[in-house]
Amino acid sequence: MSIWILTVKKYLNKFIELGVLLLAVSVLAEILFGPDVAFFGSHVTKNLITLLNSLGEHGIAALIVVFAVIFTYRRLLK
């Protein structure tokens, strides 16, 4: 691979890691301090529950998408 592809891959990997960490911190802050936490938006857990419920309504297609996301995420961490 050329050097610029590796550089872009590295930055995307760090961006995804940052997004997952921000999501975890916002969920933790909302659990500890309630839904109106400054800097993190509001109702993060409510939005996650809505997302999971909508995935559950679509059955096997949602399961395939979830496995694809997990597979992609795990490959990016290597």
Protein backbone atom coordinates (compact mmCIF):
# COMPACT_ATOMS: atom_id res chain seq x y z
CA MET A 1 0.00 0.00 0.00
CA SER A 2 1.17 3.47 -0.56
CA ILE A 3 2.03 5.70 2.35
CA TRP A 4 -0.97 8.02 1.99
CA ILE A 5 -3.43 5.11 2.20
CA LEU A 6 -1.77 3.95 5.40
CA THR A 7 -1.92 7.49 6.76
CA VAL A 8 -5.64 7.82 5.97
CA LYS A 9 -6.29 4.40 7.50
CA LYS A 10 -4.46 5.44 10.68
CA TYR A 11 -6.46 8.66 10.99
CA LEU A 12 -9.78 6.89 10.37
CA ASN A 13 -8.90 4.31 13.01
CA LYS A 14 -8.16 7.04 15.55
CA PHE A 15 -11.36 8.87 14.59
CA ILE A 16 -13.46 5.74 15.18
CA GLU A 17 -11.74 5.11 18.52
CA LEU A 18 -12.43 8.69 19.54
CA GLY A 19 -16.10 8.36 18.57
CA VAL A 20 -16.53 5.18 20.61
CA LEU A 21 -14.84 6.78 23.61
CA LEU A 22 -17.02 9.89 23.37
CA LEU A 23 -20.12 7.72 23.16
CA ALA A 24 -19.07 5.76 26.25
CA VAL A 25 -18.31 8.94 28.21
CA SER A 26 -21.61 10.55 27.21
CA VAL A 27 -23.59 7.47 28.26
CA LEU A 28 -21.73 7.34 31.57
CA ALA A 29 -22.25 11.06 32.17
CA GLU A 30 -25.96 10.76 31.40
CA ILE A 31 -26.33 7.81 33.77
CA LEU A 32 -24.51 9.63 36.56
CA PHE A 33 -25.89 13.16 36.13
CA GLY A 34 -29.19 12.76 34.28
CA PRO A 35 -30.28 13.47 30.71
CA ASP A 36 -29.40 17.18 30.66
CA VAL A 37 -25.61 16.95 30.84
CA ALA A 38 -23.74 19.88 29.35
CA PHE A 39 -21.39 19.24 26.41
CA PHE A 40 -22.79 15.82 25.55
CA GLY A 41 -26.22 16.61 24.16
CA SER A 42 -29.30 15.14 25.68
CA HIS A 43 -30.95 11.75 25.83
CA VAL A 44 -28.01 9.72 24.51
CA THR A 45 -29.26 6.52 26.10
CA LYS A 46 -32.78 7.12 24.78
CA ASN A 47 -31.37 7.48 21.26
CA LEU A 48 -29.31 4.29 21.65
CA ILE A 49 -32.34 2.36 22.86
CA THR A 50 -34.38 3.66 19.92
CA LEU A 51 -31.62 2.59 17.53
CA LEU A 52 -31.44 -0.90 19.04
CA ASN A 53 -35.22 -1.26 18.93
CA SER A 54 -35.32 -0.28 15.27
CA LEU A 55 -32.57 -2.79 14.53
CA GLY A 56 -34.58 -5.45 16.34
CA GLU A 57 -37.62 -4.79 14.17
CA HIS A 58 -35.71 -5.59 11.00
CA GLY A 59 -34.66 -9.09 12.03
CA ILE A 60 -31.91 -10.90 10.16
CA ALA A 61 -30.90 -7.89 8.05
CA ALA A 62 -30.11 -5.93 11.20
CA LEU A 63 -28.15 -8.87 12.57
CA ILE A 64 -26.03 -8.97 9.42
CA VAL A 65 -25.39 -5.23 9.66
CA VAL A 66 -24.38 -5.50 13.33
CA PHE A 67 -21.97 -8.34 12.56
CA ALA A 68 -20.51 -6.37 9.62
CA VAL A 69 -19.90 -3.35 11.85
CA ILE A 70 -18.28 -5.49 14.55
CA PHE A 71 -16.11 -7.28 11.97
CA THR A 72 -15.00 -3.98 10.44
CA TYR A 73 -14.28 -2.44 13.82
CA ARG A 74 -12.20 -5.41 14.92
CA ARG A 75 -10.18 -5.32 11.69
CA LEU A 76 -9.47 -1.62 12.20
CA LEU A 77 -8.11 -2.25 15.68
CA LYS A 78 -5.45 -4.67 14.40
